[in-house]
Amino acid sequence: GGNIIGFGAASGVGKSTLSINYIFPTIMKHDLKAVFIINEEDQNKFKKEALIWYCSNVLKHPISKRVLRDGKFDKETKETLYKAAEWYESIQENKNITIIPLEQYTARAVIKLIKKYTKMGCDVIILDTLKESYDSRDKESWKSLMTDCVDFYDCIKHTDTCMIITYQLVKNKSKYLTNADIGISKGILDIFSLNIFFRRPLQTEFEGGRDELYCYEPIKNSNSRIEFKLKKDKHYMIGFISKNRHGMSDIQIISEADFSINQYKDLGYCNVIQDY
């Protein structure tokens, strides 16, 4: 317990959607109690993402965000959404999921919530997204982010709660994401026991492209693997493990990630060549 995991991605990659797709399966499988502290999305948007996740992954009846937005549902879709809505109410009642939107983000507010929910025996706290405190404008932003993160860690290190923090990477053009992509706040890495950077593949990395990616699916209980390439009609995400206290780092995970229906599945690993 008492670990913090970092999820870094550039703006527009869908950090909130990513955290739901990544964490929900574990919450459901192990009946965990999770608290989402959100400051970018509202509760309604969160609920929609959760419903779509449940329809696709549990009810096996994918409903796209566009269909949900347009609202012209056939009978089967309506029934599926009713089931999903019942499920969502039950996980809220059961405290598997608690959503706390912050109108004004301050580290102090987050610390209060961490203390409150760790005392209540909460398993996971997700902070989506780490940003500068509303009340720390007088400090250099990277310093305030670092002290905020250290404060979060101090609240969590002697508990059995795992914390996940999403944060934004600086805009740049490198294919191989490294700690430099955090910008001047890279000191926040010190408190993470695991850190993953996420990005979508570039057009050139799909099958037949100039920088075609070679991906490998390990075969269970054997040393062999199957090679595959990225198909143009599918959606993927590359996860760069830049730090891992409990195992290998500097590996890239390739996942199928269709966020229009919130399906996310790790496929294997790939080799992104370092930029020089």
Protein backbone atom coordinates (compact mmCIF):
# COMPACT_ATOMS: atom_id res chain seq x y z
CA GLY A 1 0.00 0.00 0.00
CA GLY A 2 0.87 3.64 0.07
CA ASN A 3 2.05 3.88 -3.55
CA ILE A 4 1.51 6.63 -6.08
CA ILE A 5 1.24 5.86 -9.79
CA GLY A 6 1.68 8.59 -12.40
CA PHE A 7 -0.19 8.74 -15.73
CA GLY A 8 1.25 11.41 -18.02
CA ALA A 9 -0.19 12.39 -21.40
CA ALA A 10 -0.34 15.43 -23.64
CA SER A 11 -3.49 17.47 -23.86
CA GLY A 12 -6.18 15.82 -26.00
CA VAL A 13 -5.07 12.22 -25.39
CA GLY A 14 -8.02 11.70 -23.04
CA LYS A 15 -6.49 11.33 -19.56
CA SER A 16 -9.87 11.14 -17.83
CA THR A 17 -11.19 8.53 -20.25
CA LEU A 18 -7.91 6.67 -19.95
CA SER A 19 -8.08 6.52 -16.16
CA ILE A 20 -11.64 5.13 -16.27
CA ASN A 21 -10.69 2.49 -18.86
CA TYR A 22 -7.57 1.55 -16.96
CA ILE A 23 -8.96 1.42 -13.43
CA PHE A 24 -12.59 0.29 -13.73
CA PRO A 25 -11.81 -3.35 -14.57
CA THR A 26 -9.71 -3.69 -11.39
CA ILE A 27 -12.31 -1.91 -9.23
CA MET A 28 -15.02 -4.26 -10.46
CA LYS A 29 -12.99 -7.45 -10.34
CA HIS A 30 -11.76 -6.92 -6.77
CA ASP A 31 -14.76 -4.98 -5.42
CA LEU A 32 -12.53 -2.01 -4.50
CA LYS A 33 -13.57 1.35 -3.12
CA ALA A 34 -12.30 4.14 -5.36
CA VAL A 35 -12.52 7.92 -5.06
CA PHE A 36 -12.18 10.05 -8.19
CA ILE A 37 -11.18 13.65 -7.47
CA ILE A 38 -11.88 15.42 -10.74
CA ASN A 39 -11.17 18.99 -11.73
CA GLU A 40 -11.36 18.91 -15.53
CA GLU A 41 -14.65 17.08 -16.12
CA ASP A 42 -18.03 17.30 -14.42
CA GLN A 43 -19.90 14.42 -12.81
CA ASN A 44 -22.22 14.06 -15.76
CA LYS A 45 -19.40 13.54 -18.23
CA PHE A 46 -17.83 11.02 -15.85
CA LYS A 47 -21.10 9.10 -15.58
CA LYS A 48 -21.44 8.93 -19.39
CA GLU A 49 -17.92 7.55 -19.70
CA ALA A 50 -18.69 4.94 -17.02
CA LEU A 51 -21.98 3.88 -18.66
CA ILE A 52 -20.28 3.47 -22.04
CA TRP A 53 -17.51 1.43 -20.42
CA TYR A 54 -20.05 -0.88 -18.77
CA CYS A 55 -22.13 -1.34 -21.96
CA SER A 56 -19.02 -2.27 -23.99
CA ASN A 57 -17.10 -4.37 -21.50
CA VAL A 58 -19.66 -6.03 -19.26
CA LEU A 59 -22.93 -6.08 -21.20
CA LYS A 60 -20.99 -6.63 -24.47
CA HIS A 61 -23.30 -4.19 -26.26
CA PRO A 62 -21.05 -1.28 -27.27
CA ILE A 63 -22.82 2.08 -27.49
CA SER A 64 -20.76 4.87 -28.95
CA LYS A 65 -20.48 8.33 -27.45
CA ARG A 66 -22.03 9.74 -30.60
CA VAL A 67 -25.13 7.54 -30.22
CA LEU A 68 -25.41 8.52 -26.56
CA ARG A 69 -25.12 12.21 -27.49
CA ASP A 70 -27.69 12.04 -30.31
CA GLY A 71 -30.15 10.19 -28.13
CA LYS A 72 -32.18 8.34 -30.77
CA PHE A 73 -32.14 4.91 -29.12
CA ASP A 74 -33.65 1.70 -30.41
CA LYS A 75 -35.30 -0.69 -27.95
CA GLU A 76 -32.20 -2.82 -27.37
CA THR A 77 -29.99 0.22 -26.77
CA LYS A 78 -32.52 1.64 -24.30
CA GLU A 79 -32.59 -1.62 -22.34
CA THR A 80 -28.81 -1.76 -22.29
CA LEU A 81 -28.60 1.81 -20.99
CA TYR A 82 -31.19 1.07 -18.28
CA LYS A 83 -29.10 -1.86 -17.08
CA ALA A 84 -25.98 0.29 -17.13
CA ALA A 85 -27.73 3.06 -15.17
CA GLU A 86 -28.85 0.55 -12.52
CA TRP A 87 -25.29 -0.73 -12.25
CA TYR A 88 -23.93 2.82 -11.89
CA GLU A 89 -26.36 3.58 -9.07
CA SER A 90 -25.42 0.35 -7.31
CA ILE A 91 -21.66 1.02 -7.43
CA GLN A 92 -22.25 4.51 -6.06
CA GLU A 93 -24.41 3.17 -3.23
CA ASN A 94 -21.83 0.49 -2.56
CA LYS A 95 -19.10 3.18 -2.51
CA ASN A 96 -17.12 1.36 -5.22
CA ILE A 97 -17.04 4.75 -6.88
CA THR A 98 -17.19 8.16 -5.24
CA ILE A 99 -16.91 11.20 -7.51
CA ILE A 100 -15.71 14.49 -6.08
CA PRO A 101 -15.59 17.40 -8.53
CA LEU A 102 -13.43 20.30 -7.36
CA GLU A 103 -14.72 23.71 -8.39
CA GLN A 104 -11.45 25.34 -7.42
CA TYR A 105 -8.47 23.07 -7.35
CA THR A 106 -6.12 23.48 -4.39
CA ALA A 107 -3.61 21.02 -3.01
CA ARG A 108 -5.05 21.71 0.43
CA ALA A 109 -8.49 20.50 -0.65
CA VAL A 110 -6.94 17.34 -2.12
CA ILE A 111 -4.95 16.66 1.06
CA LYS A 112 -8.11 16.95 3.17
CA LEU A 113 -9.84 14.44 0.91
CA ILE A 114 -6.89 12.03 0.96
CA LYS A 115 -6.86 12.12 4.79
CA LYS A 116 -10.61 11.63 4.99
CA TYR A 117 -10.82 8.71 2.55
CA THR A 118 -7.68 6.87 3.64
CA LYS A 119 -9.15 6.84 7.16
CA MET A 120 -12.31 5.33 5.70
CA GLY A 121 -10.26 2.50 4.21
CA CYS A 122 -10.55 3.57 0.57
CA ASP A 123 -8.44 1.39 -1.79
CA VAL A 124 -7.71 3.82 -4.62
CA ILE A 125 -7.73 7.61 -4.92
CA ILE A 126 -7.53 9.03 -8.43
CA LEU A 127 -6.55 12.66 -8.89
CA ASP A 128 -7.49 13.76 -12.40
CA THR A 129 -5.65 16.12 -13.12
CA LEU A 130 -2.68 17.43 -11.18
CA LYS A 131 -2.35 21.16 -11.69
CA GLU A 132 -1.18 24.30 -10.03
CA SER A 133 -3.09 25.14 -6.90
CA TYR A 134 -5.55 27.97 -7.32
CA ASP A 135 -3.90 29.59 -4.25
CA SER A 136 -0.22 29.12 -5.20
CA ARG A 137 0.10 31.72 -7.91
CA ASP A 138 2.90 33.49 -6.07
CA LYS A 139 5.20 30.44 -6.15
CA GLU A 140 7.04 29.16 -9.21
CA SER A 141 4.62 26.62 -10.61
CA TRP A 142 7.03 23.71 -10.86
CA LYS A 143 8.07 24.17 -7.23
CA SER A 144 4.47 24.26 -6.06
CA LEU A 145 3.67 21.09 -8.03
CA MET A 146 6.61 19.30 -6.46
CA THR A 147 5.79 20.32 -2.90
CA ASP A 148 2.12 19.43 -3.51
CA CYS A 149 3.12 15.95 -4.68
CA VAL A 150 5.40 15.42 -1.70
CA ASP A 151 2.52 16.44 0.58
CA PHE A 152 0.20 13.94 -1.14
CA TYR A 153 2.81 11.23 -0.69
CA ASP A 154 3.22 12.04 2.99
CA CYS A 155 -0.53 11.52 3.46
CA ILE A 156 -0.54 8.22 1.64
CA LYS A 157 2.74 6.46 2.41
CA HIS A 158 1.67 4.83 5.69
CA THR A 159 -1.78 3.77 4.44
CA ASP A 160 -3.02 0.85 2.34
CA THR A 161 -4.36 3.23 -0.29
CA CYS A 162 -2.95 3.46 -3.79
CA MET A 163 -3.10 6.88 -5.45
CA ILE A 164 -3.13 7.55 -9.17
CA ILE A 165 -2.25 11.02 -10.43
CA THR A 166 -2.83 12.09 -14.02
CA TYR A 167 -0.82 15.04 -15.33
CA GLN A 168 -0.14 16.84 -18.54
CA LEU A 169 3.04 16.50 -20.58
CA VAL A 170 4.60 19.47 -22.31
CA LYS A 171 3.82 19.74 -25.99
CA ASN A 172 6.65 18.36 -28.03
CA LYS A 173 7.26 16.23 -31.04
CA SER A 174 9.32 13.36 -29.65
CA LYS A 175 8.18 9.85 -30.52
CA TYR A 176 9.88 8.30 -27.53
CA LEU A 177 8.42 9.82 -24.37
CA THR A 178 10.88 10.31 -21.52
CA ASN A 179 11.01 12.18 -18.23
CA ALA A 180 12.10 15.27 -20.15
CA ASP A 181 8.53 15.47 -21.50
CA ILE A 182 7.29 16.42 -18.04
CA GLY A 183 9.04 19.77 -18.42
CA ILE A 184 10.51 21.54 -15.42
CA SER A 185 8.29 19.76 -12.88
CA LYS A 186 10.03 16.43 -13.43
CA GLY A 187 10.79 16.31 -9.71
CA ILE A 188 7.23 15.00 -9.29
CA LEU A 189 8.60 11.64 -10.48
CA ASP A 190 10.39 11.12 -7.17
CA ILE A 191 7.15 10.20 -5.43
CA PHE A 192 5.87 7.76 -8.10
CA SER A 193 6.55 4.06 -7.66
CA LEU A 194 5.30 3.53 -11.22
CA ASN A 195 5.06 6.09 -14.00
CA ILE A 196 3.53 5.61 -17.44
CA PHE A 197 3.46 8.08 -20.32
CA PHE A 198 0.71 7.63 -22.91
CA ARG A 199 0.39 8.72 -26.51
CA ARG A 200 -1.51 7.71 -29.61
CA PRO A 201 0.56 6.20 -32.46
CA LEU A 202 1.53 8.54 -35.29
CA GLN A 203 0.12 7.93 -38.78
CA THR A 204 3.62 6.88 -39.90
CA GLU A 205 3.74 4.12 -37.25
CA PHE A 206 0.85 2.13 -38.69
CA GLU A 207 1.37 -0.82 -41.05
CA GLY A 208 3.16 0.27 -44.21
CA GLY A 209 4.21 3.62 -42.75
CA ARG A 210 7.68 5.13 -42.73
CA ASP A 211 8.17 4.41 -39.00
CA GLU A 212 6.14 1.18 -38.97
CA LEU A 213 6.05 -0.21 -35.43
CA TYR A 214 6.94 -3.82 -34.74
CA CYS A 215 4.71 -5.14 -31.99
CA TYR A 216 4.91 -8.44 -30.16
CA GLU A 217 2.29 -10.45 -28.37
CA PRO A 218 3.90 -12.76 -25.81
CA ILE A 219 2.59 -16.34 -25.87
CA LYS A 220 1.55 -17.60 -22.43
CA ASN A 221 3.87 -20.12 -20.75
CA SER A 222 6.47 -19.97 -23.50
CA ASN A 223 9.40 -17.88 -24.60
CA SER A 224 8.04 -17.24 -28.07
CA ARG A 225 5.96 -14.34 -29.31
CA ILE A 226 3.77 -13.37 -32.24
CA GLU A 227 4.70 -10.33 -34.25
CA PHE A 228 1.95 -7.96 -35.41
CA LYS A 229 1.63 -4.49 -36.91
CA LEU A 230 -0.83 -1.67 -36.28
CA LYS A 231 -3.91 -1.90 -38.50
CA LYS A 232 -5.12 1.39 -39.96
CA ASP A 233 -8.77 0.74 -39.06
CA LYS A 234 -8.06 0.28 -35.34
CA HIS A 235 -7.29 2.64 -32.45
CA TYR A 236 -4.23 2.12 -30.28
CA MET A 237 -2.40 3.63 -27.33
CA ILE A 238 1.29 3.31 -26.52
CA GLY A 239 2.25 3.29 -22.83
CA PHE A 240 5.89 4.09 -21.98
CA ILE A 241 6.87 2.76 -18.57
CA SER A 242 9.52 5.28 -17.56
CA LYS A 243 9.82 4.25 -13.94
CA ASN A 244 8.90 1.09 -12.06
CA ARG A 245 10.12 0.33 -8.57
CA HIS A 246 8.74 -3.19 -8.73
CA GLY A 247 9.89 -4.46 -12.11
CA MET A 248 11.01 -3.61 -15.60
CA SER A 249 10.99 -0.08 -16.94
CA ASP A 250 11.87 1.35 -20.35
CA ILE A 251 9.36 -0.88 -22.07
CA GLN A 252 6.46 0.18 -24.26
CA ILE A 253 3.07 -1.45 -23.97
CA ILE A 254 0.80 -1.42 -26.98
CA SER A 255 -2.93 -1.47 -26.28
CA GLU A 256 -6.02 -1.31 -28.38
CA ALA A 257 -7.85 1.79 -27.16
CA ASP A 258 -11.15 2.70 -28.77
CA PHE A 259 -12.45 5.56 -26.65
CA SER A 260 -15.59 6.04 -28.75
CA ILE A 261 -16.90 2.90 -27.01
CA ASN A 262 -14.42 2.82 -24.08
CA GLN A 263 -12.73 -0.44 -24.90
CA TYR A 264 -9.15 -0.83 -23.74
CA LYS A 265 -7.06 -3.96 -24.03
CA ASP A 266 -3.33 -4.51 -23.60
CA LEU A 267 -2.05 -6.44 -26.62
CA GLY A 268 1.68 -6.78 -25.99
CA TYR A 269 4.75 -4.65 -26.32
CA CYS A 270 6.50 -2.70 -29.06
CA ASN A 271 9.82 -1.03 -29.70
CA VAL A 272 9.65 2.69 -30.28
CA ILE A 273 13.04 3.88 -31.47
CA GLN A 274 14.56 6.66 -29.37
CA ASP A 275 14.77 10.05 -31.05
CA TYR A 276 18.22 11.53 -31.22
